[in-house]
Amino acid sequence: MTYATKKGMSQAKLLVETGQIRFRNMDSSKEIKIGSYHISCKSDPIGNKKMMGIILYQNGNESGIFYVGKLKCRPGYILLIESWKIIEIKKENETMHAATFRYFTGLDIKKTNIIAGGFSIQNNELVDRSGTCNAPTNNFGLFHDKNRCMNNVEKFVLETAVTNWQLRKQQNTEVSTIVKVLKEIGVIKEIQKDKFEFQFLDVIN
């Protein structure tokens, strides 16, 4: 099983036996487990336009189902919106991801204890950079390091879920399904030895 500790959520581990992805904070005192990823029904379909995206992991110390504004979420809740809609409502000195968060929740992300990841889609590729989400100033729970990019495990599973939405309009992607495909293509041993470089994977639940 593999840890990725250098970027984004500080410790990410793909749990092969249980079909989950687990994040631990910097001192390993807290953890978040995700069994499935869900694209919000409020999200835009993915076309050829630039898009902004946020994945919500947790709000403060709430575990399991949590609320962000009026949004009912669970860990792995993904929000996607065409960038032009955010440009139209973005305030002066507000980042694109802060404006994206406000668009969906009505809240100022700096005044919350949200644990999240930020990304965008540009030229049909997932770009995993966000200072607002991946290197937040308050860093509630100490789940993030100071790197604006995601780690490879975090990005890999997210990209798989986003691809399911793009190609099939499939809102839910089970981590157990991703593990099953990884077993089928024979890379589980490499993952367990931390010798597998995660790349794009197309899966069908």
C-alpha atoms as a PDB file:
ATOM      1  CA  MET A   1       0.000   0.000   0.000  1.00  0.00           C
ATOM      2  CA  THR A   2       1.305   3.423  -0.777  1.00  0.00           C
ATOM      3  CA  TYR A   3       1.821   6.649   1.083  1.00  0.00           C
ATOM      4  CA  ALA A   4       2.354   9.977  -0.655  1.00  0.00           C
ATOM      5  CA  THR A   5       3.506  12.509   1.903  1.00  0.00           C
ATOM      6  CA  LYS A   6       5.124  15.312  -0.080  1.00  0.00           C
ATOM      7  CA  LYS A   7       2.159  17.193  -1.563  1.00  0.00           C
ATOM      8  CA  GLY A   8      -1.468  18.126  -0.902  1.00  0.00           C
ATOM      9  CA  MET A   9      -3.212  16.090   1.804  1.00  0.00           C
ATOM     10  CA  SER A  10      -0.216  15.128   3.912  1.00  0.00           C
ATOM     11  CA  GLN A  11      -0.644  11.351   4.050  1.00  0.00           C
ATOM     12  CA  ALA A  12      -2.683   9.409   1.514  1.00  0.00           C
ATOM     13  CA  LYS A  13      -2.940   5.647   1.537  1.00  0.00           C
ATOM     14  CA  LEU A  14      -4.885   3.361  -0.789  1.00  0.00           C
ATOM     15  CA  LEU A  15      -6.330   0.607   1.412  1.00  0.00           C
ATOM     16  CA  VAL A  16      -6.421  -2.414  -0.854  1.00  0.00           C
ATOM     17  CA  GLU A  17      -8.170  -4.752   1.598  1.00  0.00           C
ATOM     18  CA  THR A  18     -11.096  -2.443   2.428  1.00  0.00           C
ATOM     19  CA  GLY A  19     -11.386  -0.518  -0.855  1.00  0.00           C
ATOM     20  CA  GLN A  20     -10.859   2.921   0.675  1.00  0.00           C
ATOM     21  CA  ILE A  21      -8.508   5.854   0.435  1.00  0.00           C
ATOM     22  CA  ARG A  22      -7.305   7.171   3.770  1.00  0.00           C
ATOM     23  CA  PHE A  23      -5.866  10.572   4.618  1.00  0.00           C
ATOM     24  CA  ARG A  24      -4.023  11.230   7.872  1.00  0.00           C
ATOM     25  CA  ASN A  25      -2.983  14.597   9.195  1.00  0.00           C
ATOM     26  CA  MET A  26       0.625  15.680   9.633  1.00  0.00           C
ATOM     27  CA  ASP A  27       1.078  14.137  13.096  1.00  0.00           C
ATOM     28  CA  SER A  28      -1.088  11.073  12.308  1.00  0.00           C
ATOM     29  CA  SER A  29      -3.548  11.915  15.111  1.00  0.00           C
ATOM     30  CA  LYS A  30      -6.600  12.228  12.830  1.00  0.00           C
ATOM     31  CA  GLU A  31      -7.767  10.507   9.665  1.00  0.00           C
ATOM     32  CA  ILE A  32     -10.412  10.721   6.951  1.00  0.00           C
ATOM     33  CA  LYS A  33     -11.538   7.618   5.061  1.00  0.00           C
ATOM     34  CA  ILE A  34     -13.341   7.664   1.714  1.00  0.00           C
ATOM     35  CA  GLY A  35     -15.078   4.649   0.199  1.00  0.00           C
ATOM     36  CA  SER A  36     -16.662   6.429  -2.757  1.00  0.00           C
ATOM     37  CA  TYR A  37     -16.453   9.721  -4.612  1.00  0.00           C
ATOM     38  CA  HIS A  38     -19.602  11.635  -5.549  1.00  0.00           C
ATOM     39  CA  ILE A  39     -20.053  14.356  -8.176  1.00  0.00           C
ATOM     40  CA  SER A  40     -22.600  16.874  -6.905  1.00  0.00           C
ATOM     41  CA  CYS A  41     -25.820  17.124  -8.933  1.00  0.00           C
ATOM     42  CA  LYS A  42     -25.160  20.879  -8.935  1.00  0.00           C
ATOM     43  CA  SER A  43     -22.043  20.324 -11.055  1.00  0.00           C
ATOM     44  CA  ASP A  44     -21.757  21.208 -14.730  1.00  0.00           C
ATOM     45  CA  PRO A  45     -21.075  18.514 -17.333  1.00  0.00           C
ATOM     46  CA  ILE A  46     -17.513  18.458 -18.579  1.00  0.00           C
ATOM     47  CA  GLY A  47     -17.110  19.765 -22.104  1.00  0.00           C
ATOM     48  CA  ASN A  48     -14.323  21.587 -23.905  1.00  0.00           C
ATOM     49  CA  LYS A  49     -14.434  24.652 -21.656  1.00  0.00           C
ATOM     50  CA  LYS A  50     -12.159  25.432 -18.726  1.00  0.00           C
ATOM     51  CA  MET A  51     -13.611  24.315 -15.413  1.00  0.00           C
ATOM     52  CA  MET A  52     -12.995  24.870 -11.703  1.00  0.00           C
ATOM     53  CA  GLY A  53     -13.297  22.038  -9.211  1.00  0.00           C
ATOM     54  CA  ILE A  54     -13.260  21.455  -5.463  1.00  0.00           C
ATOM     55  CA  ILE A  55     -13.388  18.162  -3.588  1.00  0.00           C
ATOM     56  CA  LEU A  56     -14.693  18.376  -0.024  1.00  0.00           C
ATOM     57  CA  TYR A  57     -13.234  16.009   2.561  1.00  0.00           C
ATOM     58  CA  GLN A  58     -14.513  17.270   5.898  1.00  0.00           C
ATOM     59  CA  ASN A  59     -15.921  20.336   7.666  1.00  0.00           C
ATOM     60  CA  GLY A  60     -14.136  20.965  10.938  1.00  0.00           C
ATOM     61  CA  ASN A  61     -14.253  17.908  13.166  1.00  0.00           C
ATOM     62  CA  GLU A  62     -17.499  16.563  11.686  1.00  0.00           C
ATOM     63  CA  SER A  63     -17.165  12.960  10.547  1.00  0.00           C
ATOM     64  CA  GLY A  64     -19.304  11.125   8.027  1.00  0.00           C
ATOM     65  CA  ILE A  65     -22.087  13.293   6.570  1.00  0.00           C
ATOM     66  CA  PHE A  66     -21.487  17.018   7.038  1.00  0.00           C
ATOM     67  CA  TYR A  67     -22.995  20.320   5.899  1.00  0.00           C
ATOM     68  CA  VAL A  68     -21.294  23.223   4.142  1.00  0.00           C
ATOM     69  CA  GLY A  69     -23.826  26.028   4.009  1.00  0.00           C
ATOM     70  CA  LYS A  70     -26.912  24.280   2.664  1.00  0.00           C
ATOM     71  CA  LEU A  71     -24.913  21.545   0.915  1.00  0.00           C
ATOM     72  CA  LYS A  72     -25.248  18.081   2.436  1.00  0.00           C
ATOM     73  CA  CYS A  73     -21.946  16.317   1.814  1.00  0.00           C
ATOM     74  CA  ARG A  74     -19.876  13.298   2.653  1.00  0.00           C
ATOM     75  CA  PRO A  75     -16.101  12.865   2.308  1.00  0.00           C
ATOM     76  CA  GLY A  76     -15.233  12.816  -1.397  1.00  0.00           C
ATOM     77  CA  TYR A  77     -17.956  15.269  -2.515  1.00  0.00           C
ATOM     78  CA  ILE A  78     -16.925  16.936  -5.794  1.00  0.00           C
ATOM     79  CA  LEU A  79     -18.080  20.298  -7.171  1.00  0.00           C
ATOM     80  CA  LEU A  80     -17.444  21.232 -10.824  1.00  0.00           C
ATOM     81  CA  ILE A  81     -18.335  24.486 -12.586  1.00  0.00           C
ATOM     82  CA  GLU A  82     -17.460  26.142 -15.882  1.00  0.00           C
ATOM     83  CA  SER A  83     -14.805  28.801 -15.232  1.00  0.00           C
ATOM     84  CA  TRP A  84     -16.627  31.644 -16.986  1.00  0.00           C
ATOM     85  CA  LYS A  85     -19.399  31.477 -14.378  1.00  0.00           C
ATOM     86  CA  ILE A  86     -16.833  32.021 -11.630  1.00  0.00           C
ATOM     87  CA  ILE A  87     -15.089  34.852 -13.474  1.00  0.00           C
ATOM     88  CA  GLU A  88     -18.433  36.674 -13.621  1.00  0.00           C
ATOM     89  CA  ILE A  89     -18.957  36.583  -9.835  1.00  0.00           C
ATOM     90  CA  LYS A  90     -15.357  36.720  -8.560  1.00  0.00           C
ATOM     91  CA  LYS A  91     -14.622  39.598  -6.219  1.00  0.00           C
ATOM     92  CA  GLU A  92     -11.478  41.724  -6.314  1.00  0.00           C
ATOM     93  CA  ASN A  93      -8.564  39.948  -4.601  1.00  0.00           C
ATOM     94  CA  GLU A  94     -10.580  36.713  -4.410  1.00  0.00           C
ATOM     95  CA  THR A  95      -9.000  33.573  -5.834  1.00  0.00           C
ATOM     96  CA  MET A  96     -10.823  31.435  -8.374  1.00  0.00           C
ATOM     97  CA  HIS A  97     -11.189  28.570  -5.916  1.00  0.00           C
ATOM     98  CA  ALA A  98     -12.428  30.879  -3.161  1.00  0.00           C
ATOM     99  CA  ALA A  99     -15.029  32.231  -5.594  1.00  0.00           C
ATOM    100  CA  THR A 100     -15.941  28.669  -6.631  1.00  0.00           C
ATOM    101  CA  PHE A 101     -16.497  27.709  -2.993  1.00  0.00           C
ATOM    102  CA  ARG A 102     -18.653  30.807  -2.454  1.00  0.00           C
ATOM    103  CA  TYR A 103     -20.635  30.081  -5.655  1.00  0.00           C
ATOM    104  CA  PHE A 104     -21.725  26.685  -4.335  1.00  0.00           C
ATOM    105  CA  THR A 105     -21.966  27.353  -0.596  1.00  0.00           C
ATOM    106  CA  GLY A 106     -22.461  31.109  -0.148  1.00  0.00           C
ATOM    107  CA  LEU A 107     -19.564  31.089   2.337  1.00  0.00           C
ATOM    108  CA  ASP A 108     -16.132  32.677   2.543  1.00  0.00           C
ATOM    109  CA  ILE A 109     -13.747  29.711   2.567  1.00  0.00           C
ATOM    110  CA  LYS A 110     -11.261  31.623   4.742  1.00  0.00           C
ATOM    111  CA  LYS A 111     -13.872  31.813   7.504  1.00  0.00           C
ATOM    112  CA  THR A 112     -14.555  28.062   7.512  1.00  0.00           C
ATOM    113  CA  ASN A 113     -12.688  25.001   8.776  1.00  0.00           C
ATOM    114  CA  ILE A 114     -13.254  23.117   5.547  1.00  0.00           C
ATOM    115  CA  ILE A 115     -10.746  20.450   4.525  1.00  0.00           C
ATOM    116  CA  ALA A 116     -10.723  20.313   0.739  1.00  0.00           C
ATOM    117  CA  GLY A 117      -8.727  19.886  -2.442  1.00  0.00           C
ATOM    118  CA  GLY A 118      -8.737  22.264  -5.396  1.00  0.00           C
ATOM    119  CA  PHE A 119      -8.209  21.584  -9.080  1.00  0.00           C
ATOM    120  CA  SER A 120      -9.202  22.750 -12.537  1.00  0.00           C
ATOM    121  CA  ILE A 121      -9.737  21.196 -15.954  1.00  0.00           C
ATOM    122  CA  GLN A 122      -7.792  22.820 -18.766  1.00  0.00           C
ATOM    123  CA  ASN A 123      -7.439  21.484 -22.303  1.00  0.00           C
ATOM    124  CA  ASN A 124      -9.238  18.341 -21.145  1.00  0.00           C
ATOM    125  CA  GLU A 125      -6.619  17.657 -18.454  1.00  0.00           C
ATOM    126  CA  LEU A 126      -6.964  17.770 -14.679  1.00  0.00           C
ATOM    127  CA  VAL A 127      -4.640  20.391 -13.190  1.00  0.00           C
ATOM    128  CA  ASP A 128      -4.146  19.870  -9.459  1.00  0.00           C
ATOM    129  CA  ARG A 129      -2.931  23.306  -8.332  1.00  0.00           C
ATOM    130  CA  SER A 130      -4.707  25.436  -5.721  1.00  0.00           C
ATOM    131  CA  GLY A 131      -3.160  27.547  -3.005  1.00  0.00           C
ATOM    132  CA  THR A 132      -6.612  28.195  -1.525  1.00  0.00           C
ATOM    133  CA  CYS A 133      -7.550  24.522  -1.051  1.00  0.00           C
ATOM    134  CA  ASN A 134      -4.327  22.516  -1.207  1.00  0.00           C
ATOM    135  CA  ALA A 135      -2.221  24.872   0.922  1.00  0.00           C
ATOM    136  CA  PRO A 136      -4.781  26.739   3.076  1.00  0.00           C
ATOM    137  CA  THR A 137      -3.538  29.391   5.480  1.00  0.00           C
ATOM    138  CA  ASN A 138      -5.543  28.118   8.461  1.00  0.00           C
ATOM    139  CA  ASN A 139      -4.788  24.440   7.651  1.00  0.00           C
ATOM    140  CA  PHE A 140      -7.491  23.157  10.009  1.00  0.00           C
ATOM    141  CA  GLY A 141      -6.614  19.734  11.405  1.00  0.00           C
ATOM    142  CA  LEU A 142      -3.133  19.926   9.848  1.00  0.00           C
ATOM    143  CA  PHE A 143      -4.125  17.737   6.911  1.00  0.00           C
ATOM    144  CA  HIS A 144      -2.250  19.807   4.319  1.00  0.00           C
ATOM    145  CA  ASP A 145       1.366  20.686   3.791  1.00  0.00           C
ATOM    146  CA  LYS A 146       2.375  23.934   2.083  1.00  0.00           C
ATOM    147  CA  ASN A 147       2.423  22.534  -1.462  1.00  0.00           C
ATOM    148  CA  ARG A 148      -0.202  23.892  -3.887  1.00  0.00           C
ATOM    149  CA  CYS A 149      -0.413  20.550  -5.723  1.00  0.00           C
ATOM    150  CA  MET A 150      -2.083  17.277  -4.760  1.00  0.00           C
ATOM    151  CA  ASN A 151      -0.122  14.114  -4.053  1.00  0.00           C
ATOM    152  CA  ASN A 152      -0.194  11.328  -6.631  1.00  0.00           C
ATOM    153  CA  VAL A 153      -2.691   9.068  -4.799  1.00  0.00           C
ATOM    154  CA  GLU A 154      -5.115  11.928  -4.158  1.00  0.00           C
ATOM    155  CA  LYS A 155      -4.980  13.116  -7.783  1.00  0.00           C
ATOM    156  CA  PHE A 156      -5.201   9.611  -9.236  1.00  0.00           C
ATOM    157  CA  VAL A 157      -8.458   8.665  -7.499  1.00  0.00           C
ATOM    158  CA  LEU A 158      -9.984  12.103  -8.105  1.00  0.00           C
ATOM    159  CA  GLU A 159      -9.131  11.983 -11.799  1.00  0.00           C
ATOM    160  CA  THR A 160     -10.772   8.574 -12.098  1.00  0.00           C
ATOM    161  CA  ALA A 161     -14.006   9.896 -10.543  1.00  0.00           C
ATOM    162  CA  VAL A 162     -14.004  12.990 -12.762  1.00  0.00           C
ATOM    163  CA  THR A 163     -13.470  10.829 -15.857  1.00  0.00           C
ATOM    164  CA  ASN A 164     -16.494   8.697 -14.939  1.00  0.00           C
ATOM    165  CA  TRP A 165     -18.561  11.885 -14.806  1.00  0.00           C
ATOM    166  CA  GLN A 166     -17.160  13.156 -18.104  1.00  0.00           C
ATOM    167  CA  LEU A 167     -17.597   9.961 -20.117  1.00  0.00           C
ATOM    168  CA  ARG A 168     -20.685   8.379 -18.531  1.00  0.00           C
ATOM    169  CA  LYS A 169     -22.376  11.067 -16.416  1.00  0.00           C
ATOM    170  CA  GLN A 170     -21.755   8.654 -13.557  1.00  0.00           C
ATOM    171  CA  GLN A 171     -21.925  10.518 -10.254  1.00  0.00           C
ATOM    172  CA  ASN A 172     -20.504   7.824  -7.974  1.00  0.00           C
ATOM    173  CA  THR A 173     -17.138   6.091  -8.224  1.00  0.00           C
ATOM    174  CA  GLU A 174     -16.349   3.395  -5.686  1.00  0.00           C
ATOM    175  CA  VAL A 175     -12.755   3.133  -4.502  1.00  0.00           C
ATOM    176  CA  SER A 176     -13.233  -0.664  -4.320  1.00  0.00           C
ATOM    177  CA  THR A 177     -13.871  -0.671  -8.080  1.00  0.00           C
ATOM    178  CA  ILE A 178     -10.616   1.186  -8.672  1.00  0.00           C
ATOM    179  CA  VAL A 179      -8.798  -1.381  -6.514  1.00  0.00           C
ATOM    180  CA  LYS A 180     -10.423  -4.209  -8.476  1.00  0.00           C
ATOM    181  CA  VAL A 181      -9.181  -2.790 -11.777  1.00  0.00           C
ATOM    182  CA  LEU A 182      -5.696  -2.261 -10.342  1.00  0.00           C
ATOM    183  CA  LYS A 183      -5.680  -5.924  -9.347  1.00  0.00           C
ATOM    184  CA  GLU A 184      -6.846  -6.957 -12.813  1.00  0.00           C
ATOM    185  CA  ILE A 185      -4.033  -5.087 -14.531  1.00  0.00           C
ATOM    186  CA  GLY A 186      -1.553  -6.614 -12.079  1.00  0.00           C
ATOM    187  CA  VAL A 187      -0.104  -3.621 -10.246  1.00  0.00           C
ATOM    188  CA  ILE A 188      -1.280  -4.256  -6.684  1.00  0.00           C
ATOM    189  CA  LYS A 189       2.077  -5.724  -5.627  1.00  0.00           C
ATOM    190  CA  GLU A 190       3.837  -2.651  -6.998  1.00  0.00           C
ATOM    191  CA  ILE A 191       1.427  -0.412  -5.073  1.00  0.00           C
ATOM    192  CA  GLN A 192       2.047  -2.328  -1.850  1.00  0.00           C
ATOM    193  CA  LYS A 193       5.805  -1.911  -2.350  1.00  0.00           C
ATOM    194  CA  ASP A 194       5.338   1.799  -3.214  1.00  0.00           C
ATOM    195  CA  LYS A 195       6.860   1.227  -6.657  1.00  0.00           C
ATOM    196  CA  PHE A 196       3.846   2.068  -8.817  1.00  0.00           C
ATOM    197  CA  GLU A 197       3.565   5.448 -10.504  1.00  0.00           C
ATOM    198  CA  PHE A 198      -0.138   6.308 -10.638  1.00  0.00           C
ATOM    199  CA  GLN A 199      -1.403   7.251 -14.082  1.00  0.00           C
ATOM    200  CA  PHE A 200      -4.776   7.803 -15.722  1.00  0.00           C
ATOM    201  CA  LEU A 201      -7.190   4.913 -15.248  1.00  0.00           C
ATOM    202  CA  ASP A 202     -10.610   4.503 -16.870  1.00  0.00           C
ATOM    203  CA  VAL A 203     -12.964   2.361 -14.753  1.00  0.00           C
ATOM    204  CA  ILE A 204     -16.619   1.391 -14.910  1.00  0.00           C
ATOM    205  CA  ASN A 205     -18.408   0.672 -11.631  1.00  0.00           C
END
